[in-house]
Amino acid sequence: MLKDERYDKILKILDDEKYVSSYELSKRLFVSMPTIRRDLAYLEKTKQIVRNHGGARKINGEYMVMPLAFRETVNHGAKKQLCEAASKLIKEDSIVFLDGSTTVLQIADFISPKQNIMVITNGIPLSLILIKKGIKTYTTGGELIENSMAYAGSFAEEFICRFNIDTCFFSSHGVNENGIIVDTSLPETQLRARVISQSAKSVFLCDKTKFGVSAPYNLMPVGDVDCVVTDCEKENEKN
């Protein structure tokens, strides 16, 4: 059986059954476990499935990662308002982390060199804006995530451990129906978790369109965040 034929069969099985183990796929397709693992690795790399618990499930359309250029245009006005509100939480002479999300990107418009802050970021577009404004900026380095133009991975996490961050500002794919902050990128989710653990205060930016959505990876309950900046009235009442 050719590779492409196996890929199609795997995706068809996942369409019907939502989740299937690697062992079950190996038996049904009459191929070895190493072959199935390579097939699943390819399908995950091309963002067609998510591997977990010794098997895989297909990524639904709502989980697909949109390119950065497109995501920057989505709810642009709402994101700008959230960033303006969030920027007021930045204290002078502090160490701040700003993540590589398109939501947090616009917070750079409201930061002044006069605040004398130091910014750490994993976002390449954000770092370029900040350095042009004369703001002391560190980038994490690490594995470059193409769709978000942001760094993640073990190198980035190790870099974060060198700092005692006063406030971190982050966003994500959204908040699911159980109140868990979720995302489509495992490396970026892991990096955010590391940043939050190194920060005295965490600030989550999330517009109302991101509530009640699903994604493969859990970060934390939204109730555990120190501050939520949103245009969702119900969440504002809680915070």
Foldseek 3Di string as FASTA:
>chain_A
DDLVVLLVVVLVVLVVVQKDALVVSCVVVVHDSVVSVVSVVVCVVVQQWDDDDRIIGGDDPLADQAAQVVQLPPPVVQLLVLLLVVLVVDAAAFEEEEELDSSSLNVLVVDAVVSVYEYEYQHPVSQVSCVVRVHHYHYQDADQDRRRRGHFDDSSLVSLVVDQGAEYEYEAQAAAPVQFRAHADPRSLVSVLSNVVSYPAYEYEDEPVRYRGDYDGTRGRPVVHRYYRYPDVVVVVVD
